[in-house]
C-alpha atoms as a PDB file:
ATOM      1  CA  MET A   1     -10.503 -13.907 -13.069  1.00  0.00           C
ATOM      2  CA  HIS A   2      -7.250 -13.980 -11.119  1.00  0.00           C
ATOM      3  CA  TYR A   3      -6.618 -16.708  -8.543  1.00  0.00           C
ATOM      4  CA  ALA A   4      -4.402 -15.904  -5.571  1.00  0.00           C
ATOM      5  CA  HIS A   5      -0.932 -17.366  -5.317  1.00  0.00           C
ATOM      6  CA  PRO A   6      -1.358 -20.535  -3.195  1.00  0.00           C
ATOM      7  CA  TYR A   7       1.095 -19.285  -0.588  1.00  0.00           C
ATOM      8  CA  LEU A   8      -1.198 -16.395   0.348  1.00  0.00           C
ATOM      9  CA  LEU A   9      -4.007 -18.808   1.145  1.00  0.00           C
ATOM     10  CA  ASN A  10      -2.082 -21.241   3.323  1.00  0.00           C
ATOM     11  CA  PRO A  11       1.286 -19.703   4.252  1.00  0.00           C
ATOM     12  CA  THR A  12       3.722 -21.333   6.646  1.00  0.00           C
ATOM     13  CA  HIS A  13       4.445 -17.885   8.113  1.00  0.00           C
ATOM     14  CA  PRO A  14       2.459 -14.640   8.308  1.00  0.00           C
ATOM     15  CA  ILE A  15       2.362 -12.949   4.907  1.00  0.00           C
ATOM     16  CA  THR A  16       5.189 -10.412   4.867  1.00  0.00           C
ATOM     17  CA  VAL A  17       4.168  -6.910   3.795  1.00  0.00           C
ATOM     18  CA  ALA A  18       6.306  -3.835   3.147  1.00  0.00           C
ATOM     19  CA  LEU A  19       4.262  -0.644   3.529  1.00  0.00           C
ATOM     20  CA  VAL A  20       6.046   2.247   1.839  1.00  0.00           C
ATOM     21  CA  GLY A  21       4.724   5.645   2.885  1.00  0.00           C
ATOM     22  CA  CYS A  22       2.797   6.391   6.095  1.00  0.00           C
ATOM     23  CA  GLY A  23       1.114   9.668   5.225  1.00  0.00           C
ATOM     24  CA  GLY A  24      -2.475  10.390   4.212  1.00  0.00           C
ATOM     25  CA  THR A  25      -3.211   7.054   2.550  1.00  0.00           C
ATOM     26  CA  GLY A  26      -0.494   4.987   4.219  1.00  0.00           C
ATOM     27  CA  SER A  27      -1.770   5.737   7.717  1.00  0.00           C
ATOM     28  CA  GLN A  28      -5.239   4.562   6.669  1.00  0.00           C
ATOM     29  CA  VAL A  29      -3.873   1.478   4.893  1.00  0.00           C
ATOM     30  CA  LEU A  30      -1.883   0.406   7.947  1.00  0.00           C
ATOM     31  CA  THR A  31      -5.056   0.445  10.038  1.00  0.00           C
ATOM     32  CA  CYS A  32      -6.802  -1.662   7.368  1.00  0.00           C
ATOM     33  CA  LEU A  33      -3.907  -4.138   7.386  1.00  0.00           C
ATOM     34  CA  ALA A  34      -4.189  -4.489  11.165  1.00  0.00           C
ATOM     35  CA  ARG A  35      -7.932  -5.095  10.940  1.00  0.00           C
ATOM     36  CA  MET A  36      -7.408  -7.669   8.182  1.00  0.00           C
ATOM     37  CA  ASP A  37      -4.697  -9.383  10.203  1.00  0.00           C
ATOM     38  CA  PHE A  38      -7.046  -9.662  13.180  1.00  0.00           C
ATOM     39  CA  ALA A  39      -9.837 -11.058  10.995  1.00  0.00           C
ATOM     40  CA  LEU A  40      -7.594 -13.539   9.182  1.00  0.00           C
ATOM     41  CA  ARG A  41      -6.149 -14.912  12.394  1.00  0.00           C
ATOM     42  CA  GLY A  42      -9.686 -15.372  13.654  1.00  0.00           C
ATOM     43  CA  LEU A  43     -10.277 -17.556  10.593  1.00  0.00           C
ATOM     44  CA  GLY A  44      -7.201 -19.716  11.266  1.00  0.00           C
ATOM     45  CA  HIS A  45      -4.872 -17.886   8.844  1.00  0.00           C
ATOM     46  CA  PRO A  46      -1.436 -16.703  10.100  1.00  0.00           C
ATOM     47  CA  GLY A  47      -2.251 -13.122   9.072  1.00  0.00           C
ATOM     48  CA  PHE A  48       0.335 -10.459   8.220  1.00  0.00           C
ATOM     49  CA  TYR A  49       3.743  -9.309   9.351  1.00  0.00           C
ATOM     50  CA  VAL A  50       4.134  -5.665   8.318  1.00  0.00           C
ATOM     51  CA  GLN A  51       7.226  -3.491   8.099  1.00  0.00           C
ATOM     52  CA  ALA A  52       6.497   0.195   7.501  1.00  0.00           C
ATOM     53  CA  TYR A  53       8.969   2.589   5.864  1.00  0.00           C
ATOM     54  CA  ASP A  54       8.811   6.396   6.037  1.00  0.00           C
ATOM     55  CA  PRO A  55      11.618   8.866   6.826  1.00  0.00           C
ATOM     56  CA  ASP A  56       9.305  11.815   7.589  1.00  0.00           C
ATOM     57  CA  ALA A  57       8.324  13.268  10.948  1.00  0.00           C
ATOM     58  CA  VAL A  58       4.814  14.278  11.957  1.00  0.00           C
ATOM     59  CA  THR A  59       4.010  17.981  11.447  1.00  0.00           C
ATOM     60  CA  GLU A  60       0.970  20.151  12.155  1.00  0.00           C
ATOM     61  CA  SER A  61      -0.166  19.814   8.529  1.00  0.00           C
ATOM     62  CA  ASN A  62      -0.681  16.078   9.154  1.00  0.00           C
ATOM     63  CA  PHE A  63      -3.397  16.487  11.779  1.00  0.00           C
ATOM     64  CA  GLY A  64      -6.950  15.716  10.707  1.00  0.00           C
ATOM     65  CA  ARG A  65      -6.448  14.235   7.242  1.00  0.00           C
ATOM     66  CA  GLN A  66      -3.713  11.861   8.346  1.00  0.00           C
ATOM     67  CA  LEU A  67      -4.052   9.686  11.439  1.00  0.00           C
ATOM     68  CA  PHE A  68      -1.782  11.661  13.740  1.00  0.00           C
ATOM     69  CA  SER A  69      -2.372  13.751  16.855  1.00  0.00           C
ATOM     70  CA  PRO A  70      -0.544  16.751  18.387  1.00  0.00           C
ATOM     71  CA  SER A  71       1.110  14.429  20.915  1.00  0.00           C
ATOM     72  CA  GLU A  72       2.997  12.761  18.035  1.00  0.00           C
ATOM     73  CA  ILE A  73       4.462  15.904  16.496  1.00  0.00           C
ATOM     74  CA  GLU A  74       8.123  15.523  15.472  1.00  0.00           C
ATOM     75  CA  HIS A  75       7.912  11.756  15.948  1.00  0.00           C
ATOM     76  CA  ASN A  76       8.656   9.580  12.928  1.00  0.00           C
ATOM     77  CA  LYS A  77       5.447   8.727  11.074  1.00  0.00           C
ATOM     78  CA  ALA A  78       6.147   5.012  10.674  1.00  0.00           C
ATOM     79  CA  ALA A  79       7.198   4.634  14.306  1.00  0.00           C
ATOM     80  CA  ALA A  80       4.166   6.530  15.617  1.00  0.00           C
ATOM     81  CA  LEU A  81       1.700   4.455  13.593  1.00  0.00           C
ATOM     82  CA  ILE A  82       3.331   1.080  14.194  1.00  0.00           C
ATOM     83  CA  THR A  83       3.603   1.748  17.939  1.00  0.00           C
ATOM     84  CA  ARG A  84      -0.088   2.575  18.116  1.00  0.00           C
ATOM     85  CA  VAL A  85      -1.160  -0.456  16.058  1.00  0.00           C
ATOM     86  CA  ASN A  86       1.093  -2.819  18.027  1.00  0.00           C
ATOM     87  CA  ARG A  87      -0.324  -1.658  21.341  1.00  0.00           C
ATOM     88  CA  PHE A  88      -3.938  -1.770  20.179  1.00  0.00           C
ATOM     89  CA  PHE A  89      -3.842  -5.175  18.462  1.00  0.00           C
ATOM     90  CA  GLY A  90      -1.018  -6.836  20.422  1.00  0.00           C
ATOM     91  CA  LEU A  91       1.275  -7.113  17.413  1.00  0.00           C
ATOM     92  CA  ALA A  92       5.035  -6.916  16.904  1.00  0.00           C
ATOM     93  CA  TRP A  93       5.215  -5.175  13.541  1.00  0.00           C
ATOM     94  CA  GLU A  94       8.272  -3.058  12.692  1.00  0.00           C
ATOM     95  CA  ALA A  95       8.830   0.568  11.739  1.00  0.00           C
ATOM     96  CA  HIS A  96      11.774   1.900   9.740  1.00  0.00           C
ATOM     97  CA  ALA A  97      12.483   5.635   9.681  1.00  0.00           C
ATOM     98  CA  ILE A  98      14.211   5.372   6.305  1.00  0.00           C
ATOM     99  CA  PRO A  99      13.195   5.768   2.672  1.00  0.00           C
ATOM    100  CA  TYR A 100      12.632   2.606   0.650  1.00  0.00           C
ATOM    101  CA  CYS A 101      15.412   3.196  -1.868  1.00  0.00           C
ATOM    102  CA  THR A 102      18.805   2.104  -3.141  1.00  0.00           C
ATOM    103  CA  GLU A 103      20.666   4.063  -0.452  1.00  0.00           C
ATOM    104  CA  THR A 104      18.954   2.050   2.308  1.00  0.00           C
ATOM    105  CA  ILE A 105      18.875  -1.328   0.559  1.00  0.00           C
ATOM    106  CA  GLU A 106      20.852  -3.086   3.291  1.00  0.00           C
ATOM    107  CA  ALA A 107      18.115  -2.275   5.822  1.00  0.00           C
ATOM    108  CA  ILE A 108      15.238  -3.422   3.597  1.00  0.00           C
ATOM    109  CA  ASP A 109      13.842  -6.921   4.044  1.00  0.00           C
ATOM    110  CA  PRO A 110      12.190  -8.799   1.159  1.00  0.00           C
ATOM    111  CA  ALA A 111       8.423  -9.262   1.429  1.00  0.00           C
ATOM    112  CA  ASN A 112       5.599 -11.207  -0.189  1.00  0.00           C
ATOM    113  CA  MET A 113       3.758  -7.977  -0.934  1.00  0.00           C
ATOM    114  CA  ILE A 114       4.659  -4.338  -1.265  1.00  0.00           C
ATOM    115  CA  VAL A 115       2.032  -1.657  -0.651  1.00  0.00           C
ATOM    116  CA  THR A 116       2.983   1.825  -1.855  1.00  0.00           C
ATOM    117  CA  CYS A 117       1.397   5.082  -0.722  1.00  0.00           C
ATOM    118  CA  VAL A 118       3.936   7.527  -2.130  1.00  0.00           C
ATOM    119  CA  ASP A 119       3.646  11.065  -3.455  1.00  0.00           C
ATOM    120  CA  THR A 120       5.540  11.052  -6.734  1.00  0.00           C
ATOM    121  CA  VAL A 121       5.901   9.215 -10.020  1.00  0.00           C
ATOM    122  CA  GLU A 122       9.669   9.129  -9.566  1.00  0.00           C
ATOM    123  CA  ALA A 123       9.298   7.272  -6.267  1.00  0.00           C
ATOM    124  CA  ARG A 124       7.218   4.546  -7.934  1.00  0.00           C
ATOM    125  CA  ILE A 125       9.676   4.136 -10.796  1.00  0.00           C
ATOM    126  CA  ALA A 126      12.687   3.958  -8.469  1.00  0.00           C
ATOM    127  CA  LEU A 127      10.890   1.537  -6.185  1.00  0.00           C
ATOM    128  CA  ALA A 128       9.897  -0.762  -9.046  1.00  0.00           C
ATOM    129  CA  GLU A 129      13.484  -0.834 -10.311  1.00  0.00           C
ATOM    130  CA  LEU A 130      14.768  -1.527  -6.809  1.00  0.00           C
ATOM    131  CA  TRP A 131      12.258  -4.312  -6.233  1.00  0.00           C
ATOM    132  CA  ASP A 132      13.012  -5.957  -9.579  1.00  0.00           C
ATOM    133  CA  GLU A 133      16.744  -6.009  -9.003  1.00  0.00           C
ATOM    134  CA  ASP A 134      17.577  -6.012  -5.319  1.00  0.00           C
ATOM    135  CA  VAL A 135      14.898  -6.994  -2.821  1.00  0.00           C
ATOM    136  CA  ARG A 136      13.491 -10.238  -4.143  1.00  0.00           C
ATOM    137  CA  GLY A 137      13.491 -12.960  -1.523  1.00  0.00           C
ATOM    138  CA  GLY A 138      14.636 -16.485  -2.260  1.00  0.00           C
ATOM    139  CA  ARG A 139      12.141 -18.379  -0.112  1.00  0.00           C
ATOM    140  CA  GLU A 140       8.356 -18.358  -0.055  1.00  0.00           C
ATOM    141  CA  TYR A 141       8.094 -16.427   3.195  1.00  0.00           C
ATOM    142  CA  ASN A 142       9.895 -13.458   1.615  1.00  0.00           C
ATOM    143  CA  GLU A 143       9.372 -14.010  -2.120  1.00  0.00           C
ATOM    144  CA  GLY A 144       7.724 -11.052  -3.839  1.00  0.00           C
ATOM    145  CA  PHE A 145       4.321 -11.817  -5.366  1.00  0.00           C
ATOM    146  CA  TYR A 146       2.145  -8.669  -5.437  1.00  0.00           C
ATOM    147  CA  TRP A 147       2.370  -4.875  -5.625  1.00  0.00           C
ATOM    148  CA  LEU A 148      -0.617  -2.845  -4.396  1.00  0.00           C
ATOM    149  CA  ASP A 149      -0.251   0.855  -5.224  1.00  0.00           C
ATOM    150  CA  PHE A 150      -2.384   3.789  -4.077  1.00  0.00           C
ATOM    151  CA  GLY A 151      -2.347   7.248  -5.624  1.00  0.00           C
ATOM    152  CA  ASN A 152      -4.628  10.253  -5.570  1.00  0.00           C
ATOM    153  CA  THR A 153      -5.133  13.908  -6.381  1.00  0.00           C
ATOM    154  CA  GLN A 154      -7.488  16.226  -4.490  1.00  0.00           C
ATOM    155  CA  LYS A 155     -10.737  14.355  -5.166  1.00  0.00           C
ATOM    156  CA  THR A 156      -9.770  11.439  -7.401  1.00  0.00           C
ATOM    157  CA  GLY A 157      -7.566   8.400  -6.969  1.00  0.00           C
ATOM    158  CA  GLN A 158      -6.767   4.872  -8.000  1.00  0.00           C
ATOM    159  CA  ALA A 159      -5.635   1.641  -6.393  1.00  0.00           C
ATOM    160  CA  VAL A 160      -4.017  -1.076  -8.508  1.00  0.00           C
ATOM    161  CA  LEU A 161      -2.946  -4.591  -7.540  1.00  0.00           C
ATOM    162  CA  GLY A 162      -0.314  -6.071  -9.851  1.00  0.00           C
ATOM    163  CA  THR A 163       2.013  -9.066  -9.845  1.00  0.00           C
ATOM    164  CA  TRP A 164       5.782  -8.975 -10.196  1.00  0.00           C
ATOM    165  CA  ASN A 165       5.910 -12.216 -12.169  1.00  0.00           C
ATOM    166  CA  GLU A 166       3.487 -14.626 -13.768  1.00  0.00           C
ATOM    167  CA  ILE A 167       1.385 -16.605 -11.286  1.00  0.00           C
ATOM    168  CA  LYS A 168       0.034 -19.906 -12.540  1.00  0.00           C
ATOM    169  CA  GLN A 169      -3.655 -19.646 -13.427  1.00  0.00           C
ATOM    170  CA  PRO A 170      -6.277 -21.948 -14.958  1.00  0.00           C
ATOM    171  CA  SER A 171      -6.187 -22.289 -18.723  1.00  0.00           C
ATOM    172  CA  GLY A 172      -7.385 -19.172 -20.498  1.00  0.00           C
ATOM    173  CA  GLN A 173      -6.791 -16.806 -17.565  1.00  0.00           C
ATOM    174  CA  PRO A 174      -4.074 -14.111 -17.677  1.00  0.00           C
ATOM    175  CA  GLN A 175      -0.950 -15.296 -15.908  1.00  0.00           C
ATOM    176  CA  LYS A 176       0.094 -11.793 -14.817  1.00  0.00           C
ATOM    177  CA  LEU A 177      -1.707  -8.748 -13.443  1.00  0.00           C
ATOM    178  CA  PRO A 178      -0.181  -5.513 -14.811  1.00  0.00           C
ATOM    179  CA  THR A 179       1.266  -3.167 -12.217  1.00  0.00           C
ATOM    180  CA  VAL A 180       0.286   0.471 -11.883  1.00  0.00           C
ATOM    181  CA  LEU A 181       3.314   1.546 -13.923  1.00  0.00           C
ATOM    182  CA  GLU A 182       2.530  -0.922 -16.693  1.00  0.00           C
ATOM    183  CA  LEU A 183      -1.036   0.401 -16.877  1.00  0.00           C
ATOM    184  CA  PHE A 184      -0.606   4.138 -16.397  1.00  0.00           C
ATOM    185  CA  TYR A 185       3.003   5.146 -17.045  1.00  0.00           C
ATOM    186  CA  ASP A 186       2.036   7.712 -19.714  1.00  0.00           C
ATOM    187  CA  GLU A 187      -0.624   9.261 -17.472  1.00  0.00           C
ATOM    188  CA  PHE A 188       1.864   9.498 -14.606  1.00  0.00           C
ATOM    189  CA  GLU A 189       4.341  11.235 -16.898  1.00  0.00           C
ATOM    190  CA  ARG A 190       1.750  13.966 -17.505  1.00  0.00           C
ATOM    191  CA  ALA A 191       1.049  14.514 -13.798  1.00  0.00           C
ATOM    192  CA  THR A 192       1.613  18.099 -12.649  1.00  0.00           C
ATOM    193  CA  GLU A 193       3.559  19.249  -9.619  1.00  0.00           C
ATOM    194  CA  GLU A 194       0.253  20.210  -7.968  1.00  0.00           C
ATOM    195  CA  ASP A 195      -0.808  16.565  -8.141  1.00  0.00           C
ATOM    196  CA  GLN A 196       2.302  15.380  -6.317  1.00  0.00           C
ATOM    197  CA  GLY A 197       4.365  16.086  -3.249  1.00  0.00           C
ATOM    198  CA  PRO A 198       3.755  17.010   0.391  1.00  0.00           C
ATOM    199  CA  SER A 199       1.968  20.093   1.739  1.00  0.00           C
ATOM    200  CA  CYS A 200       3.219  22.601   4.289  1.00  0.00           C
ATOM    201  CA  SER A 201       0.012  23.331   6.211  1.00  0.00           C
ATOM    202  CA  LEU A 202      -3.310  21.683   6.939  1.00  0.00           C
ATOM    203  CA  ALA A 203      -5.137  24.275   4.803  1.00  0.00           C
ATOM    204  CA  GLU A 204      -2.792  23.631   1.878  1.00  0.00           C
ATOM    205  CA  ALA A 205      -3.065  19.869   2.423  1.00  0.00           C
ATOM    206  CA  LEU A 206      -6.862  20.030   2.233  1.00  0.00           C
ATOM    207  CA  ASN A 207      -6.642  22.108  -0.948  1.00  0.00           C
ATOM    208  CA  ARG A 208      -4.467  19.415  -2.484  1.00  0.00           C
ATOM    209  CA  GLN A 209      -6.231  16.365  -1.069  1.00  0.00           C
ATOM    210  CA  ASP A 210      -9.783  16.385   0.241  1.00  0.00           C
ATOM    211  CA  LEU A 211     -10.465  15.200   3.799  1.00  0.00           C
ATOM    212  CA  PHE A 212     -11.854  11.751   2.995  1.00  0.00           C
ATOM    213  CA  ILE A 213     -10.121  10.882  -0.303  1.00  0.00           C
ATOM    214  CA  ASN A 214      -7.373   8.879   1.444  1.00  0.00           C
ATOM    215  CA  SER A 215      -9.601   6.873   3.772  1.00  0.00           C
ATOM    216  CA  THR A 216     -12.156   6.094   1.033  1.00  0.00           C
ATOM    217  CA  LEU A 217      -9.451   4.987  -1.392  1.00  0.00           C
ATOM    218  CA  ALA A 218      -7.714   2.889   1.261  1.00  0.00           C
ATOM    219  CA  MET A 219     -10.924   1.008   2.047  1.00  0.00           C
ATOM    220  CA  LEU A 220     -11.642   0.277  -1.629  1.00  0.00           C
ATOM    221  CA  GLY A 221      -8.097  -0.859  -2.413  1.00  0.00           C
ATOM    222  CA  MET A 222      -7.767  -3.009   0.678  1.00  0.00           C
ATOM    223  CA  ASP A 223     -11.085  -4.668  -0.100  1.00  0.00           C
ATOM    224  CA  ILE A 224      -9.463  -6.052  -3.261  1.00  0.00           C
ATOM    225  CA  LEU A 225      -6.724  -7.619  -1.152  1.00  0.00           C
ATOM    226  CA  TRP A 226      -9.275  -8.954   1.336  1.00  0.00           C
ATOM    227  CA  LYS A 227     -11.268 -10.612  -1.467  1.00  0.00           C
ATOM    228  CA  LEU A 228      -8.105 -12.095  -2.964  1.00  0.00           C
ATOM    229  CA  ILE A 229      -7.219 -13.874   0.284  1.00  0.00           C
ATOM    230  CA  ARG A 230     -10.686 -14.548   1.709  1.00  0.00           C
ATOM    231  CA  GLU A 231     -12.422 -15.588  -1.526  1.00  0.00           C
ATOM    232  CA  THR A 232      -9.221 -16.880  -3.246  1.00  0.00           C
ATOM    233  CA  ARG A 233      -9.920 -14.985  -6.493  1.00  0.00           C
ATOM    234  CA  ILE A 234     -10.782 -11.556  -7.853  1.00  0.00           C
ATOM    235  CA  GLU A 235     -12.519 -10.286 -10.976  1.00  0.00           C
ATOM    236  CA  TYR A 236     -11.162  -6.754 -10.523  1.00  0.00           C
ATOM    237  CA  HIS A 237      -7.582  -5.814  -9.633  1.00  0.00           C
ATOM    238  CA  GLY A 238      -8.010  -2.084  -9.290  1.00  0.00           C
ATOM    239  CA  VAL A 239     -10.400   0.794  -8.827  1.00  0.00           C
ATOM    240  CA  PHE A 240     -10.876   4.423  -9.865  1.00  0.00           C
ATOM    241  CA  LEU A 241     -12.479   6.772  -7.353  1.00  0.00           C
ATOM    242  CA  ASN A 242     -13.980  10.214  -7.953  1.00  0.00           C
ATOM    243  CA  LEU A 243     -15.369  11.909  -4.851  1.00  0.00           C
ATOM    244  CA  GLU A 244     -16.566  14.897  -6.901  1.00  0.00           C
ATOM    245  CA  THR A 245     -19.052  12.729  -8.829  1.00  0.00           C
ATOM    246  CA  MET A 246     -19.306  10.007  -6.152  1.00  0.00           C
ATOM    247  CA  LYS A 247     -18.370   7.394  -8.760  1.00  0.00           C
ATOM    248  CA  VAL A 248     -16.329   4.232  -8.283  1.00  0.00           C
ATOM    249  CA  ASN A 249     -15.214   2.318 -11.380  1.00  0.00           C
ATOM    250  CA  PRO A 250     -13.464  -1.061 -11.150  1.00  0.00           C
ATOM    251  CA  ILE A 251     -10.492  -2.177 -13.266  1.00  0.00           C
ATOM    252  CA  PRO A 252     -11.270  -5.688 -14.587  1.00  0.00           C
ATOM    253  CA  VAL A 253      -8.660  -8.432 -14.642  1.00  0.00           C
END
């Protein structure tokens, strides 16, 4: 069992979240974050304050599988999604049309939680190194506690919630949740080019990633975060999904 960091349960400010990647999974995750924020505030919790990072523009290949429409073509992905969510839910979340990397470190704000929906292994490794060294906040409202990572191939995927440092737990419980890199670094190293990277057309995108893999994975991964805050503890900190066999297998704490 893992018990949530006390700050997530009764924060003095909205929980700060950095969403890195606003493509197939990221666009679905942002919608889930907005729904969770609405529900949490209805329960008396301050909710979330999200900053989304993605340097890419919307293209025709993003229609259908990702949550974009023809009217948003050539607009920045993060800006398009954040604008829509802000208008729908009455929020004031921020979009940044920049990559989350060393070159843009001065424009990156620390956050309580980072949620990654990126294409490549290299991006995860660089991001973890950056987070460890450069974007740790010094106060509770921007201190880094959790890393929730999403990744998928055409019909399979995983979501993993890890902690950056040890979080005090009852006696006998693990003090740290391993991150996705700590669990699966060797498997990521063996990933092929076909399993990573963007696609150039909708047909190619659907050959690489099935229509509902992103939305299904986003729902399962975000449910872990919802349980952590709503129920204060979790027995599982990750999930494997296989749409080919219709199987979902949890990753126990």
